[in-house]
Protein backbone atom coordinates (compact mmCIF):
# COMPACT_ATOMS: atom_id res chain seq x y z
CA GLY A 1 8.66 -9.97 6.07
CA MET A 2 10.78 -7.82 3.83
CA GLU A 3 13.20 -5.21 5.15
CA THR A 4 10.71 -2.52 4.10
CA GLU A 5 7.12 -3.36 3.25
CA PHE A 6 3.48 -2.32 3.24
CA VAL A 7 1.01 -4.28 5.35
CA MET A 8 -2.68 -3.98 4.45
CA LEU A 9 -4.73 -3.05 7.49
CA SER A 10 -8.06 -3.03 5.66
CA ASN A 11 -9.58 -5.01 2.82
CA PRO A 12 -10.12 -2.90 -0.32
CA PHE A 13 -12.37 -5.64 -1.75
CA ALA A 14 -14.89 -5.63 1.10
CA GLU A 15 -18.28 -4.04 0.51
CA ASN A 16 -17.82 -1.84 3.58
CA SER A 17 -14.37 -0.58 2.52
CA GLN A 18 -15.60 3.06 2.63
CA ASN A 19 -13.72 3.74 -0.63
CA GLU A 20 -10.37 3.65 1.11
CA VAL A 21 -7.63 1.26 2.13
CA LYS A 22 -5.33 1.60 5.13
CA LEU A 23 -1.72 0.45 4.86
CA GLN A 24 1.10 0.43 7.36
CA LEU A 25 4.62 1.07 6.12
CA LEU A 26 7.38 -0.78 7.98
CA TYR A 27 11.18 -0.72 7.94
CA LYS A 28 12.88 -3.50 9.91
CA ASN A 29 9.46 -4.29 11.42
CA LEU A 30 9.06 -0.75 12.81
CA PRO A 31 6.54 1.86 11.57
CA ARG A 32 7.91 4.51 9.22
CA LYS A 33 6.33 7.73 10.46
CA ASN A 34 5.85 10.92 8.42
CA VAL A 35 7.15 9.31 5.22
CA GLN A 36 6.07 10.12 1.67
CA VAL A 37 4.00 7.50 -0.14
CA GLU A 38 3.33 7.65 -3.89
CA VAL A 39 -0.04 6.42 -5.17
CA PHE A 40 -0.57 5.68 -8.86
CA LYS A 41 -4.15 4.97 -9.92
CA LYS A 42 -5.25 3.69 -13.33
CA ASN A 43 -8.98 3.93 -13.94
CA SER A 44 -11.15 1.93 -16.36
CA ASN A 45 -10.31 4.39 -19.17
CA ASP A 46 -6.57 3.76 -18.65
CA VAL A 47 -6.08 7.28 -17.29
CA ILE A 48 -3.28 7.33 -14.73
CA THR A 49 -3.19 9.80 -11.87
CA GLN A 50 -0.58 10.21 -9.15
CA ILE A 51 -0.90 11.59 -5.64
CA LYS A 52 1.56 11.94 -2.78
CA LEU A 53 0.48 11.18 0.76
CA PHE A 54 2.34 10.82 4.07
CA THR A 55 2.20 8.20 6.78
CA ASN A 56 1.11 9.24 10.27
CA ILE A 57 3.07 8.70 13.49
CA PHE A 58 2.10 5.01 13.41
CA GLY A 59 3.34 4.53 9.84
CA VAL A 60 -0.26 4.31 8.58
CA VAL A 61 -1.50 5.91 5.37
CA THR A 62 -5.11 6.00 4.13
CA ILE A 63 -5.46 5.67 0.36
CA PRO A 64 -8.70 6.87 -1.27
CA THR A 65 -9.98 4.22 -3.69
CA GLN A 66 -12.61 3.71 -6.38
CA ARG A 67 -14.06 0.61 -7.95
CA ASP A 68 -12.80 -0.55 -11.34
CA SER A 69 -9.34 0.92 -10.72
CA THR A 70 -5.82 -0.45 -10.34
CA TYR A 71 -3.43 0.92 -7.71
CA MET A 72 0.33 0.86 -7.32
CA ILE A 73 1.58 2.27 -4.03
CA ASN A 74 5.25 2.69 -3.23
CA SER A 75 7.70 4.32 -0.88
CA VAL A 76 11.49 4.50 -0.89
CA LYS A 77 13.93 4.15 2.02
CA MET A 78 17.37 5.61 1.33
CA ARG A 79 20.24 4.51 3.53
CA PRO A 80 24.04 4.63 3.43
CA PHE A 81 25.55 1.77 1.48
CA ILE A 82 27.40 -0.73 3.68
CA PHE A 83 30.50 -2.10 2.00
CA THR A 84 30.73 -5.86 2.36
CA ASP A 85 33.73 -6.42 0.07
CA SER A 86 36.49 -3.84 0.44
CA LYS A 87 38.34 -5.28 -2.59
CA SER A 88 35.49 -4.74 -5.04
CA GLU A 89 36.21 -1.76 -7.30
CA ARG A 90 32.65 -1.95 -8.61
CA THR A 91 31.14 -0.79 -5.30
CA MET A 92 33.76 1.76 -4.28
CA ASN A 93 31.78 4.71 -5.69
CA VAL A 94 28.44 3.67 -4.20
CA LEU A 95 27.37 5.86 -1.27
CA TRP A 96 23.64 5.16 -0.93
CA GLU A 97 21.21 2.35 -1.59
CA SER A 98 17.45 2.47 -2.00
CA LEU A 99 14.91 -0.01 -0.66
CA TRP A 100 11.46 0.05 -2.22
CA ALA A 101 8.21 -1.00 -0.61
CA SER A 102 5.52 -1.52 -3.22
CA ILE A 103 2.06 -3.04 -3.44
CA VAL A 104 -0.30 -3.40 -6.41
CA PHE A 105 -3.98 -4.29 -6.38
CA LYS A 106 -7.10 -3.87 -8.52
CA ILE A 107 -10.53 -3.18 -7.15
CA PRO A 108 -13.15 -4.81 -9.41
CA ARG A 109 -16.17 -2.98 -10.78
CA LYS A 110 -18.52 -5.07 -8.62
CA SER A 111 -18.02 -6.39 -5.13
CA LEU A 112 -16.52 -9.87 -4.92
CA HIS A 113 -19.40 -10.88 -2.62
CA HIS A 114 -22.09 -10.64 -5.31
């Protein structure tokens, strides 16, 4: 996988999805616990809302969902920048780098099983 990533633990398209999706956030294949997750939802009227949630001690976050909506979920990992080329003037002023985990999906108006 990626250095930081979301893994879907439930299927948001299933009829029994309970209007939620569970995701696990990983960094170097380990759960990221108690980390902020941003959820952007666009409904069928193109209205965008944003909520902030946090992962639990297992790196799992539960996202409330609705049909006929598109979701973008992301989280950022900040870490000190590691210099790989000491001669590069371009990177001399860089202290931090950000890694982004992001996932996008749309839940259709009707179940895919109909």
